[in-house]
């Protein structure tokens, strides 16, 4: 809306002169208001005439100060028709008549001048002081640097003093860095239309709908655009374009002026180009049970964590020689909440922030299994609409080798079946003697018993099953016995374990072994396995008593029963000997 001002010289008032009689000449309903420097097109057609289909047209200008004097503008019949002030403009093509058909033409003036009795151009556009937010260099136009994820805010002043009732449409656009500015290179970001509707250019429509892009009017002539969560693609030269619109008598809106101002050259400093991670204190060599501390420092020109940015930091470990970054040990998420990786639950491990950008990983008691290559992983996030976080960058440190000295524990186990032969219904006793070499004081032993089933005389392809065992704390653990009967496990000497299978049945047949393990308890009361071993196989075959083979129906007769029982016993013995040879 134009502000009140002095009365203008006058508006564009073009009246037509068509030299004929009894004819009806039609032009747009006037008056039309335009400003200097803009273009105008006025149509004209004639009807109710006699004669040829192609008619000639002559255009005249009547100025307000001399309403009786007709100044010839241009004619379709006479090339020398133009008045002196219009002759050069007609010759240059700035003023011309375009014939639509025999009785219809359009007068086109490319650039209106003050002598055409038009409104003066009162539109003004400039960058709004104090300038855009961010780190701004003292150049003109200013150069603005924003961090990825921060808000980019630009202001524009647009005003007009045109006396007539007009509307302003203001648009913010971006050209890619170093590209020449023009309609072909300027991409609209967002604009306020003449009907006060806010619309975004195609690449920015989604961000406008999500609330990440905003445009508002502050006061009478200040417009402000805010792009939330700046991205790398937001870099470029930003412009403000203001267009002045006026409503013609026919109800349509016509643009009468347009001006553009450069707001700023914007550079977006991406997090991926800035994020860096270093670790210390260097290669570590420690003994088992000693604490392990590693430091991670996140550096770079990064925005502080808060409204626009957030960070997470974690440690990964890969065994020596293993490819890839390895598995997660511990991490702090974007909210500062710590968590342990799989396999580290139950251990005394701390992950904490000790300075503004320094993080510490501490294992209270290192184990030989903690030896490997450690890397610190940092991730940077930017906040979009609401509280939604988007990962923008990540960086890993160089590998940091950690060596943990082995305990030097060597175990051996010898297992056997007491008595060597066991019959169905009896108790099978399996013994396991363990020998230990090396290891720290306080070493504790555990032993477990496992069985592999036999199928048609061969070992099953399935995994071994736990039958029972005694842990390093002396607590018994029972598994699943093949025959389903009672099981007992016990420590019968400092380094001797026994497994007993009561009421032995044919389903208990199989190959058994003893698996001892050595355990060390550290100062943080955690246990770790310092060594393990496996005994040789022990075959358990439940024999059948000879008298049982003779228990046959008495109807057969005593003599026949003896012969039958002897045959069964011989068959069982033969089959068992074959199995022993196979093993």
Protein backbone atom coordinates (compact mmCIF):
# COMPACT_ATOMS: atom_id res chain seq x y z
CA UNK A 1 0.00 0.00 0.00
CA UNK A 2 1.50 3.34 -1.02
CA UNK A 3 1.80 5.99 1.66
CA UNK A 4 0.04 9.40 1.17
CA UNK A 5 2.21 11.90 -0.65
CA UNK A 6 2.12 14.88 -2.98
CA UNK A 7 -0.23 14.75 -5.92
CA UNK A 8 1.57 13.16 -8.91
CA UNK A 9 2.15 14.87 -12.20
CA UNK A 10 -0.47 12.56 -13.69
CA UNK A 11 -0.98 9.00 -14.59
CA UNK A 12 -0.73 7.32 -17.92
CA UNK A 13 -3.77 8.48 -19.84
CA UNK A 14 -3.55 7.20 -23.41
CA UNK A 15 -6.53 8.05 -25.60
CA UNK A 16 -6.84 6.53 -29.04
CA UNK A 17 -7.55 8.21 -32.33
CA UNK A 18 -8.87 6.03 -35.12
CA UNK A 19 -9.53 8.14 -38.25
CA UNK A 20 -12.85 6.91 -39.51
CA UNK A 21 -16.52 7.62 -39.11
CA UNK A 22 -19.45 5.56 -37.80
CA UNK A 23 -17.09 3.08 -36.31
CA UNK A 24 -16.84 1.71 -32.77
CA UNK A 25 -13.37 1.65 -31.25
CA UNK A 26 -12.77 -0.51 -28.15
CA UNK A 27 -9.84 -0.08 -25.76
CA UNK A 28 -9.37 -1.26 -22.12
CA UNK A 29 -11.33 0.71 -19.59
CA UNK A 30 -9.13 3.45 -18.15
CA UNK A 31 -7.39 5.15 -16.71
CA UNK A 32 -4.32 2.93 -16.47
CA UNK A 33 -1.61 3.77 -13.90
CA UNK A 34 1.98 2.91 -14.70
CA UNK A 35 5.37 4.21 -13.60
CA UNK A 36 8.44 5.30 -15.49
CA UNK A 37 10.77 2.64 -16.78
CA UNK A 38 8.17 -0.10 -17.03
CA UNK A 39 6.43 -1.56 -20.07
CA UNK A 40 2.80 -1.31 -21.08
CA UNK A 41 0.62 -3.03 -23.69
CA UNK A 42 -2.77 -1.58 -24.72
CA UNK A 43 -5.08 -3.42 -27.08
CA UNK A 44 -7.46 -1.82 -29.57
CA UNK A 45 -10.02 -3.24 -31.99
CA UNK A 46 -12.60 -1.68 -34.27
CA UNK A 47 -16.04 -2.86 -35.34
CA UNK A 48 -19.05 -1.55 -37.29
CA UNK A 49 -16.98 -0.44 -40.24
CA UNK A 50 -17.39 -0.72 -43.97
CA UNK A 51 -14.60 -1.43 -46.37
CA UNK A 52 -11.64 -3.79 -46.36
CA UNK A 53 -11.01 -6.26 -43.53
CA UNK A 54 -7.62 -4.77 -42.73
CA UNK A 55 -7.99 -1.43 -41.02
CA UNK A 56 -5.34 1.17 -40.21
CA UNK A 57 -4.76 2.53 -36.73
CA UNK A 58 -3.26 5.79 -35.44
CA UNK A 59 -2.37 6.38 -31.81
CA UNK A 60 -2.35 9.81 -30.11
CA UNK A 61 -1.29 11.14 -26.71
CA UNK A 62 -3.30 13.93 -25.01
CA UNK A 63 -1.39 15.45 -22.10
CA UNK A 64 -3.23 16.94 -19.12
CA UNK A 65 -1.61 20.35 -19.51
CA UNK A 66 -2.77 20.59 -23.16
CA UNK A 67 -5.86 18.40 -23.48
CA UNK A 68 -6.73 19.77 -26.93
CA UNK A 69 -3.35 19.02 -28.54
CA UNK A 70 -3.06 15.57 -30.06
CA UNK A 71 0.49 14.22 -30.23
CA UNK A 72 0.88 11.50 -32.83
CA UNK A 73 2.58 8.38 -31.45
CA UNK A 74 2.55 5.77 -34.21
CA UNK A 75 0.48 4.75 -37.22
CA UNK A 76 0.04 1.52 -39.15
CA UNK A 77 -0.34 3.53 -42.38
CA UNK A 78 2.21 6.34 -42.27
CA UNK A 79 5.79 5.79 -41.13
CA UNK A 80 6.25 9.58 -40.80
CA UNK A 81 3.22 9.95 -38.55
CA UNK A 82 5.06 10.07 -35.21
CA UNK A 83 5.45 13.39 -33.41
CA UNK A 84 9.05 14.51 -32.89
CA UNK A 85 9.28 13.27 -29.27
CA UNK A 86 8.17 9.78 -30.33
CA UNK A 87 10.07 9.48 -33.64
CA UNK A 88 13.38 8.17 -32.23
CA UNK A 89 11.58 5.76 -29.91
CA UNK A 90 9.53 4.36 -32.79
CA UNK A 91 12.64 4.06 -34.96
CA UNK A 92 14.46 2.19 -32.16
CA UNK A 93 11.54 -0.24 -31.72
CA UNK A 94 10.85 0.93 -28.19
CA UNK A 95 7.35 1.96 -29.32
CA UNK A 96 5.60 -0.30 -31.80
CA UNK A 97 2.24 -1.58 -32.96
CA UNK A 98 1.66 -5.30 -33.23
CA UNK A 99 -1.25 -6.36 -35.44
CA UNK A 100 -3.30 -9.21 -34.05
CA UNK A 101 -5.69 -9.37 -36.97
CA UNK A 102 -7.09 -7.02 -39.59
CA UNK A 103 -9.16 -4.98 -37.16
CA UNK A 104 -7.20 -5.49 -33.90
CA UNK A 105 -3.77 -4.28 -32.76
CA UNK A 106 -1.70 -3.83 -29.60
CA UNK A 107 0.34 -0.73 -28.77
CA UNK A 108 3.54 -1.71 -26.94
CA UNK A 109 5.84 0.72 -25.13
CA UNK A 110 8.94 -0.99 -23.74
CA UNK A 111 10.05 1.72 -21.31
CA UNK A 112 7.65 4.43 -20.23
CA UNK A 113 9.07 7.91 -19.78
CA UNK A 114 7.92 10.89 -17.75
CA UNK A 115 6.78 12.58 -20.95
CA UNK A 116 4.27 9.77 -21.39
CA UNK A 117 2.33 11.25 -18.45
CA UNK A 118 2.99 8.40 -16.06
CA UNK A 119 3.56 8.05 -12.36
CA UNK A 120 7.09 8.55 -11.05
CA UNK A 121 8.88 5.39 -9.84
CA UNK A 122 8.75 5.62 -6.03
CA UNK A 123 9.70 2.01 -5.20
CA UNK A 124 12.77 1.56 -2.96
CA UNK A 125 14.47 -1.73 -1.98
CA UNK A 126 17.57 -2.26 0.20
CA UNK A 127 19.10 -4.59 2.75
CA UNK A 128 17.64 -4.02 6.19
CA UNK A 129 20.06 -2.73 8.85
CA UNK A 130 21.75 -3.87 11.03
CA UNK A 131 22.23 -6.68 8.52
CA UNK A 132 21.93 -10.45 8.69
CA UNK A 133 22.72 -12.44 11.77
CA UNK A 134 25.98 -14.33 11.97
CA UNK A 135 29.67 -13.56 11.57
CA UNK A 136 29.75 -10.78 8.99
CA UNK A 137 32.79 -9.37 7.22
CA UNK A 138 32.89 -5.60 6.52
CA UNK A 139 32.31 -5.87 2.77
CA UNK A 140 29.60 -4.59 0.44
CA UNK A 141 27.51 -6.55 -0.12
CA UNK A 142 28.33 -8.21 3.20
CA UNK A 143 29.73 -11.74 3.39
CA UNK A 144 27.99 -13.82 6.02
CA UNK A 145 29.20 -17.15 7.45
CA UNK A 146 26.81 -19.44 9.32
CA UNK A 147 27.37 -22.89 10.78
CA UNK A 148 25.45 -25.81 9.41
CA UNK A 149 22.32 -26.22 11.50
CA UNK A 150 22.14 -22.60 12.62
CA UNK A 151 19.49 -20.11 11.54
CA UNK A 152 20.12 -17.91 8.53
CA UNK A 153 18.22 -14.63 8.96
CA UNK A 154 18.13 -11.89 6.31
CA UNK A 155 16.22 -8.61 6.29
CA UNK A 156 14.93 -6.44 3.46
CA UNK A 157 13.49 -2.90 3.37
CA UNK A 158 10.85 -2.30 0.69
CA UNK A 159 8.69 0.84 0.50
CA UNK A 160 6.86 3.01 -2.04
CA UNK A 161 5.43 6.53 -1.93
CA UNK A 162 3.14 6.08 -4.91
CA UNK A 163 -0.02 8.12 -4.34
CA UNK A 164 -2.31 5.51 -5.82
CA UNK A 165 -3.41 2.39 -3.97
CA UNK A 166 -0.79 -0.28 -4.65
CA UNK A 167 0.39 -3.54 -3.10
CA UNK A 168 3.94 -4.76 -2.67
CA UNK A 169 5.09 -8.34 -3.26
CA UNK A 170 8.46 -9.15 -1.69
CA UNK A 171 10.53 -12.21 -2.58
CA UNK A 172 13.83 -13.57 -1.28
CA UNK A 173 15.96 -15.43 -3.81
CA UNK A 174 19.33 -17.18 -3.97
CA UNK A 175 21.90 -17.51 -6.73
CA UNK A 176 24.60 -20.17 -6.49
CA UNK A 177 28.02 -18.86 -5.43
CA UNK A 178 29.89 -16.93 -8.13
CA UNK A 179 26.98 -17.22 -10.59
CA UNK A 180 25.82 -14.07 -12.43
CA UNK A 181 22.54 -12.77 -11.07
CA UNK A 182 19.52 -12.77 -13.36
CA UNK A 183 16.09 -14.25 -13.69
CA UNK A 184 17.61 -17.44 -15.11
CA UNK A 185 20.03 -17.96 -12.18
CA UNK A 186 17.99 -16.58 -9.28
CA UNK A 187 16.10 -19.31 -7.43
CA UNK A 188 13.23 -18.08 -5.30
CA UNK A 189 13.42 -19.18 -1.69
CA UNK A 190 10.21 -17.66 -0.32
CA UNK A 191 7.97 -14.75 -1.18
CA UNK A 192 5.07 -12.67 0.10
CA UNK A 193 2.60 -12.27 -2.77
CA UNK A 194 0.49 -9.21 -3.50
CA UNK A 195 -2.48 -11.01 -1.91
CA UNK A 196 -0.38 -11.49 1.31
CA UNK A 197 0.01 -15.26 0.74
CA UNK A 198 3.43 -16.74 1.65
CA UNK A 199 4.77 -19.22 -0.91
CA UNK A 200 8.13 -20.96 -1.31
CA UNK A 201 10.13 -21.92 -4.37
CA UNK A 202 9.92 -25.58 -5.37
CA UNK A 203 13.13 -26.74 -3.58
CA UNK A 204 12.04 -25.04 -0.35
CA UNK A 205 8.36 -26.00 -0.20
CA UNK A 206 8.93 -28.91 2.18
CA UNK A 207 10.97 -26.78 4.57
CA UNK A 208 8.26 -24.09 4.57
CA UNK A 209 5.62 -26.71 5.40
CA UNK A 210 7.82 -28.09 8.21
CA UNK A 211 8.27 -24.67 9.77
CA UNK A 212 12.01 -24.51 9.01
CA UNK A 213 11.48 -21.58 6.61
CA UNK A 214 9.65 -18.42 7.67
CA UNK A 215 8.87 -15.01 6.17
CA UNK A 216 7.27 -12.16 8.06
CA UNK A 217 6.68 -8.42 7.90
CA UNK A 218 7.96 -6.27 10.73
CA UNK A 219 6.57 -2.77 10.83
CA UNK A 220 5.52 -0.93 7.67
CA UNK A 221 8.46 -1.65 5.38
CA UNK A 222 10.73 -4.35 6.88
CA UNK A 223 10.58 -7.98 5.76
CA UNK A 224 12.53 -10.78 7.42
CA UNK A 225 13.32 -14.28 6.13
CA UNK A 226 14.58 -17.01 8.48
CA UNK A 227 15.97 -20.31 7.17
CA UNK A 228 16.25 -22.76 10.05
CA UNK A 229 18.83 -25.55 10.07
CA UNK A 230 21.16 -24.13 7.42
CA UNK A 231 22.44 -26.74 4.96
CA UNK A 232 25.40 -26.81 2.61
CA UNK A 233 23.09 -26.12 -0.33
CA UNK A 234 21.96 -22.84 1.24
CA UNK A 235 25.25 -21.13 0.36
CA UNK A 236 25.04 -18.44 -2.30
CA UNK A 237 24.19 -14.80 -2.97
CA UNK A 238 20.83 -13.71 -1.59
CA UNK A 239 18.66 -11.00 -3.10
CA UNK A 240 15.45 -9.24 -2.19
CA UNK A 241 13.05 -8.46 -5.02
CA UNK A 242 10.10 -6.08 -4.50
CA UNK A 243 7.34 -5.72 -7.08
CA UNK A 244 4.64 -3.01 -6.97
CA UNK A 245 1.18 -4.00 -8.18
CA UNK A 246 -1.86 -1.89 -9.01
CA UNK A 247 -5.39 -2.91 -9.80
CA UNK A 248 -6.70 -1.85 -13.23
CA UNK A 249 -10.31 -0.80 -13.78
CA UNK A 250 -11.18 -4.25 -15.16
CA UNK A 251 -10.27 -5.80 -11.78
CA UNK A 252 -7.00 -7.39 -12.86
CA UNK A 253 -3.68 -6.66 -11.16
CA UNK A 254 -0.76 -5.27 -13.12
CA UNK A 255 2.86 -5.01 -12.04
CA UNK A 256 4.00 -1.42 -12.43
CA UNK A 257 7.48 -1.59 -10.89
CA UNK A 258 10.13 -4.09 -9.76
CA UNK A 259 13.47 -3.60 -8.06
CA UNK A 260 16.08 -5.91 -6.58
CA UNK A 261 18.79 -5.48 -3.92
CA UNK A 262 21.69 -7.74 -2.96
CA UNK A 263 21.46 -8.74 0.71
CA UNK A 264 24.55 -10.85 1.38
CA UNK A 265 26.97 -13.48 0.13
CA UNK A 266 26.33 -16.45 2.44
CA UNK A 267 28.85 -19.20 3.20
CA UNK A 268 27.69 -22.29 5.11
CA UNK A 269 30.40 -23.89 7.20
CA UNK A 270 29.55 -27.59 7.13
CA UNK A 271 30.15 -29.77 10.16
CA UNK A 272 31.77 -32.47 8.01
CA UNK A 273 34.51 -30.03 7.01
CA UNK A 274 35.19 -29.03 10.63
CA UNK A 275 34.67 -32.11 12.80
CA UNK A 276 37.95 -33.70 13.93
CA UNK A 277 38.73 -36.31 16.59
CA UNK A 278 42.03 -37.02 18.35
CA UNK A 279 42.84 -39.58 21.05
CA UNK A 280 45.49 -40.06 23.73
CA UNK A 281 47.66 -40.62 25.63
CA UNK A 282 49.21 -42.97 23.06
CA UNK A 283 49.88 -46.69 22.83
CA UNK A 284 49.17 -48.35 26.17
CA UNK A 285 50.72 -51.44 27.80
CA UNK A 286 49.12 -52.55 31.07
CA UNK A 287 48.73 -55.65 33.16
CA UNK A 288 45.49 -57.52 33.84
CA UNK A 289 43.41 -55.95 36.59
CA UNK A 290 44.95 -52.50 36.10
CA UNK A 291 42.72 -49.53 35.15
CA UNK A 292 42.68 -48.37 31.52
CA UNK A 293 41.97 -44.70 30.74
CA UNK A 294 41.69 -43.24 27.24
CA UNK A 295 40.94 -39.61 26.28
CA UNK A 296 39.07 -38.35 23.21
CA UNK A 297 39.11 -34.72 22.11
CA UNK A 298 36.58 -33.32 19.60
CA UNK A 299 37.87 -30.23 17.79
CA UNK A 300 37.03 -27.87 14.94
CA UNK A 301 35.09 -24.64 14.41
CA UNK A 302 31.88 -26.16 15.72
CA UNK A 303 28.76 -24.53 17.13
CA UNK A 304 28.25 -25.24 20.83
CA UNK A 305 25.75 -27.96 21.71
CA UNK A 306 22.32 -26.56 22.33
CA UNK A 307 19.44 -25.32 20.28
CA UNK A 308 20.92 -25.93 16.83
CA UNK A 309 23.54 -28.67 17.26
CA UNK A 310 24.13 -31.81 19.32
CA UNK A 311 26.96 -34.35 19.57
CA UNK A 312 27.49 -37.97 20.57
CA UNK A 313 30.84 -39.59 21.37
CA UNK A 314 31.71 -43.27 21.72
CA UNK A 315 34.62 -45.70 21.81
CA UNK A 316 35.02 -48.74 19.55
CA UNK A 317 37.44 -51.65 19.93
CA UNK A 318 38.66 -54.22 17.42
CA UNK A 319 40.93 -57.13 18.40
CA UNK A 320 44.48 -56.81 17.11
CA UNK A 321 44.60 -57.61 13.41
CA UNK A 322 40.82 -57.59 12.97
CA UNK A 323 39.44 -55.42 10.15
CA UNK A 324 36.94 -52.62 10.58
CA UNK A 325 36.27 -50.22 13.43
CA UNK A 326 35.19 -52.98 15.82
CA UNK A 327 32.42 -53.19 18.36
CA UNK A 328 31.06 -50.47 20.63
CA UNK A 329 32.52 -50.30 24.13
CA UNK A 330 30.67 -47.28 25.57
CA UNK A 331 29.14 -44.01 24.40
CA UNK A 332 27.46 -40.78 25.48
CA UNK A 333 24.40 -39.88 23.39
CA UNK A 334 23.23 -36.40 22.41
CA UNK A 335 21.54 -36.01 25.81
CA UNK A 336 24.68 -36.97 27.72
CA UNK A 337 23.30 -40.38 28.73
CA UNK A 338 25.92 -43.14 28.82
CA UNK A 339 25.50 -46.75 27.71
CA UNK A 340 27.69 -49.85 27.30
CA UNK A 341 28.08 -51.93 24.19
CA UNK A 342 27.08 -55.61 23.90
CA UNK A 343 29.32 -57.88 25.94
CA UNK A 344 30.36 -55.16 28.38
CA UNK A 345 27.30 -55.27 30.60
CA UNK A 346 28.06 -55.87 34.27
CA UNK A 347 31.59 -54.46 34.09
CA UNK A 348 32.80 -51.31 35.81
CA UNK A 349 33.22 -49.04 32.77
CA UNK A 350 32.71 -45.27 32.84
CA UNK A 351 32.23 -42.88 29.91
CA UNK A 352 32.20 -39.22 30.94
CA UNK A 353 32.78 -35.68 29.72
CA UNK A 354 35.71 -34.13 31.56
CA UNK A 355 36.01 -30.83 29.64
CA UNK A 356 34.01 -28.86 27.08
CA UNK A 357 35.11 -31.16 24.25
CA UNK A 358 37.12 -33.86 26.02
CA UNK A 359 35.71 -37.29 26.87
CA UNK A 360 37.22 -40.09 28.96
CA UNK A 361 36.75 -43.85 28.80
CA UNK A 362 37.78 -45.74 31.96
CA UNK A 363 37.84 -49.52 32.46
CA UNK A 364 38.38 -50.16 36.15
CA UNK A 365 40.05 -53.54 35.61
CA UNK A 366 41.43 -54.44 32.18
CA UNK A 367 41.40 -58.01 30.94
CA UNK A 368 43.53 -59.71 28.31
CA UNK A 369 40.42 -59.71 26.12
CA UNK A 370 40.43 -55.89 26.22
CA UNK A 371 43.62 -55.80 24.16
CA UNK A 372 43.12 -54.41 20.66
CA UNK A 373 42.78 -51.22 18.64
CA UNK A 374 40.60 -48.44 20.06
CA UNK A 375 39.00 -45.60 18.08
CA UNK A 376 36.89 -42.68 19.20
CA UNK A 377 33.81 -41.96 17.09
CA UNK A 378 32.13 -38.54 17.20
CA UNK A 379 28.88 -37.66 15.45
CA UNK A 380 27.41 -34.20 14.92
CA UNK A 381 23.68 -33.58 14.56
CA UNK A 382 21.69 -30.54 13.52
CA UNK A 383 18.19 -29.83 14.72
CA UNK A 384 15.44 -29.35 12.17
CA UNK A 385 11.84 -28.46 12.83
CA UNK A 386 10.81 -29.02 16.43
CA UNK A 387 13.25 -31.34 18.17
CA UNK A 388 14.08 -33.59 15.22
CA UNK A 389 17.80 -34.31 14.90
CA UNK A 390 19.55 -35.05 11.61
CA UNK A 391 23.04 -36.55 11.51
CA UNK A 392 25.24 -34.10 9.62
CA UNK A 393 28.77 -35.45 10.11
CA UNK A 394 30.84 -38.17 11.75
CA UNK A 395 34.56 -38.65 12.29
CA UNK A 396 36.76 -41.41 13.72
CA UNK A 397 40.11 -40.98 15.37
CA UNK A 398 43.30 -42.74 14.38
CA UNK A 399 43.70 -46.22 15.90
CA UNK A 400 45.08 -46.38 19.43
CA UNK A 401 46.73 -49.74 20.28
CA UNK A 402 46.18 -51.16 23.77
CA UNK A 403 48.14 -54.18 25.04
CA UNK A 404 47.08 -56.15 28.11
CA UNK A 405 49.55 -58.71 29.42
CA UNK A 406 48.32 -62.31 29.48
CA UNK A 407 48.06 -64.11 32.82
CA UNK A 408 50.08 -67.10 31.55
CA UNK A 409 47.66 -69.72 32.83
CA UNK A 410 47.99 -73.23 31.33
CA UNK A 411 45.37 -75.90 32.10
CA UNK A 412 45.26 -79.62 31.41
CA UNK A 413 42.45 -82.05 32.17
CA UNK A 414 42.29 -85.86 32.33
CA UNK A 415 38.89 -87.56 32.57
CA UNK A 416 37.92 -91.24 32.94
CA UNK A 417 35.04 -93.51 33.88
CA UNK A 418 35.54 -95.03 37.36
CA UNK A 419 35.56 -98.83 37.18
CA UNK A 420 35.76 -98.81 33.38
CA UNK A 421 32.47 -100.71 32.96
CA UNK A 422 28.98 -99.73 34.02
CA UNK A 423 25.68 -101.57 33.74
CA UNK A 424 22.15 -100.37 33.26
CA UNK A 425 20.54 -99.25 36.49
CA UNK A 426 23.88 -98.55 38.17
CA UNK A 427 25.54 -95.16 38.85
CA UNK A 428 28.19 -94.01 36.40
CA UNK A 429 30.97 -91.97 38.05
CA UNK A 430 33.14 -89.79 35.80
CA UNK A 431 36.24 -88.17 37.32
CA UNK A 432 38.25 -85.16 36.06
CA UNK A 433 41.68 -84.19 37.39
CA UNK A 434 42.95 -80.68 36.54
CA UNK A 435 46.55 -79.47 36.49
CA UNK A 436 47.44 -75.75 36.51
CA UNK A 437 50.64 -73.94 35.58
CA UNK A 438 51.11 -70.20 36.11
CA UNK A 439 48.51 -67.64 37.01
CA UNK A 440 48.16 -65.01 39.75
CA UNK A 441 47.44 -65.74 43.39
CA UNK A 442 43.79 -66.38 44.12
CA UNK A 443 43.17 -68.20 40.85
CA UNK A 444 39.97 -70.25 40.98
CA UNK A 445 38.94 -73.25 38.93
CA UNK A 446 35.60 -74.26 37.46
CA UNK A 447 34.71 -77.43 35.59
CA UNK A 448 31.75 -78.46 33.45
CA UNK A 449 30.71 -81.79 31.92
CA UNK A 450 29.44 -82.10 28.35
CA UNK A 451 28.04 -84.97 26.27
CA UNK A 452 27.83 -85.68 22.58
CA UNK A 453 25.15 -88.21 21.57
CA UNK A 454 25.73 -91.25 19.37
CA UNK A 455 23.62 -91.99 16.32
CA UNK A 456 24.11 -95.42 14.75
CA UNK A 457 27.54 -95.65 16.32
CA UNK A 458 28.70 -92.23 15.10
CA UNK A 459 28.92 -88.89 16.92
CA UNK A 460 25.95 -86.61 16.30
CA UNK A 461 26.57 -83.49 14.22
CA UNK A 462 24.75 -81.37 16.80
CA UNK A 463 26.51 -79.30 19.49
CA UNK A 464 27.58 -80.83 22.79
CA UNK A 465 25.06 -80.52 25.65
CA UNK A 466 25.85 -79.34 29.16
CA UNK A 467 25.22 -82.07 31.74
CA UNK A 468 26.43 -80.18 34.83
CA UNK A 469 29.32 -78.40 36.43
CA UNK A 470 30.70 -76.41 39.36
CA UNK A 471 31.54 -72.72 38.92
CA UNK A 472 34.51 -70.79 40.30
CA UNK A 473 32.31 -69.71 43.22
CA UNK A 474 31.55 -73.36 44.15
CA UNK A 475 27.94 -73.21 42.99
CA UNK A 476 26.70 -76.25 41.06
CA UNK A 477 24.98 -75.83 37.72
CA UNK A 478 22.89 -78.67 36.25
CA UNK A 479 22.16 -79.08 32.59
CA UNK A 480 20.17 -81.72 30.73
CA UNK A 481 20.99 -85.42 31.13
CA UNK A 482 20.31 -87.49 28.01
CA UNK A 483 18.44 -90.16 29.94
CA UNK A 484 16.56 -87.65 32.04
CA UNK A 485 17.55 -89.18 35.38
CA UNK A 486 19.17 -87.56 38.44
CA UNK A 487 22.64 -85.96 38.16
CA UNK A 488 25.11 -84.88 40.83
CA UNK A 489 28.27 -82.81 40.41
CA UNK A 490 30.79 -82.22 43.14
CA UNK A 491 34.33 -81.17 43.99
CA UNK A 492 36.10 -84.23 45.46
CA UNK A 493 39.52 -82.63 45.76
CA UNK A 494 41.20 -79.21 45.28
CA UNK A 495 41.54 -79.95 41.56
CA UNK A 496 39.32 -82.96 41.07
CA UNK A 497 35.67 -82.95 39.96
CA UNK A 498 33.16 -85.78 39.72
CA UNK A 499 29.99 -86.29 37.69
CA UNK A 500 27.56 -89.03 38.68
CA UNK A 501 24.71 -90.32 36.51
CA UNK A 502 22.31 -92.28 38.71
CA UNK A 503 20.16 -95.18 37.43
CA UNK A 504 21.98 -95.34 34.12
CA UNK A 505 19.80 -96.11 31.10
CA UNK A 506 20.40 -96.78 27.39
CA UNK A 507 19.58 -93.13 26.56
CA UNK A 508 22.68 -92.02 28.53
CA UNK A 509 24.99 -93.61 25.99
CA UNK A 510 27.41 -91.03 24.53
CA UNK A 511 30.85 -89.46 24.58
CA UNK A 512 31.49 -87.22 27.60
CA UNK A 513 34.28 -84.73 28.30
CA UNK A 514 35.36 -82.38 31.09
CA UNK A 515 36.01 -78.65 30.38
CA UNK A 516 37.89 -76.83 33.16
CA UNK A 517 38.41 -73.04 33.19
CA UNK A 518 40.55 -70.68 35.30
CA UNK A 519 39.06 -67.44 36.67
CA UNK A 520 40.60 -64.30 38.20
CA UNK A 521 38.74 -61.73 40.30
CA UNK A 522 39.86 -58.10 40.08
CA UNK A 523 39.61 -55.26 42.55
CA UNK A 524 36.26 -54.18 41.11
CA UNK A 525 34.94 -57.69 42.00
CA UNK A 526 34.47 -58.62 38.36
CA UNK A 527 35.55 -62.07 37.13
CA UNK A 528 37.23 -62.88 33.87
CA UNK A 529 38.28 -66.19 32.36
CA UNK A 530 42.06 -66.49 32.25
CA UNK A 531 42.32 -69.93 30.62
CA UNK A 532 40.41 -73.05 29.58
CA UNK A 533 41.03 -76.63 28.52
CA UNK A 534 39.21 -79.77 27.42
CA UNK A 535 39.79 -83.36 28.45
CA UNK A 536 39.85 -86.33 26.15
CA UNK A 537 36.61 -88.23 25.37
CA UNK A 538 35.09 -90.69 27.82
CA UNK A 539 32.64 -93.19 26.32
CA UNK A 540 29.72 -94.23 28.49
CA UNK A 541 28.02 -97.45 27.33
CA UNK A 542 25.41 -98.97 29.66
CA UNK A 543 25.93 -102.75 29.53
CA UNK A 544 23.13 -105.21 30.09
CA UNK A 545 23.44 -107.81 32.88
CA UNK A 546 23.66 -111.44 31.65
CA UNK A 547 20.74 -112.53 33.82
CA UNK A 548 18.55 -109.89 32.22
CA UNK A 549 19.06 -111.53 28.83
CA UNK A 550 17.75 -114.79 30.23
CA UNK A 551 14.49 -113.27 31.43
CA UNK A 552 12.17 -114.52 28.65
CA UNK A 553 8.67 -115.92 28.82
CA UNK A 554 8.68 -119.30 30.59
CA UNK A 555 6.40 -120.67 27.87
CA UNK A 556 9.45 -120.91 25.66
CA UNK A 557 11.10 -123.31 28.00
CA UNK A 558 14.23 -123.23 30.09
CA UNK A 559 16.53 -124.71 27.48
CA UNK A 560 15.36 -122.39 24.75
CA UNK A 561 15.68 -119.39 27.10
CA UNK A 562 19.29 -120.19 27.85
CA UNK A 563 20.15 -120.47 24.19
CA UNK A 564 18.28 -117.25 23.35
CA UNK A 565 19.90 -115.30 26.21
CA UNK A 566 23.37 -116.43 25.23
CA UNK A 567 22.72 -115.35 21.64
CA UNK A 568 21.53 -111.88 22.73
CA UNK A 569 24.52 -111.41 25.01
CA UNK A 570 26.93 -112.36 22.23
CA UNK A 571 25.24 -109.95 19.83
CA UNK A 572 25.45 -107.04 22.28
CA UNK A 573 29.12 -107.72 23.03
CA UNK A 574 29.93 -107.98 19.31
CA UNK A 575 28.21 -104.68 18.50
CA UNK A 576 29.96 -102.86 21.36
CA UNK A 577 33.38 -104.12 20.22
CA UNK A 578 32.66 -102.84 16.71
CA UNK A 579 31.86 -99.40 18.09
CA UNK A 580 35.07 -99.35 20.09
CA UNK A 581 37.07 -100.18 16.96
CA UNK A 582 35.40 -97.30 15.08
CA UNK A 583 36.36 -94.87 17.83
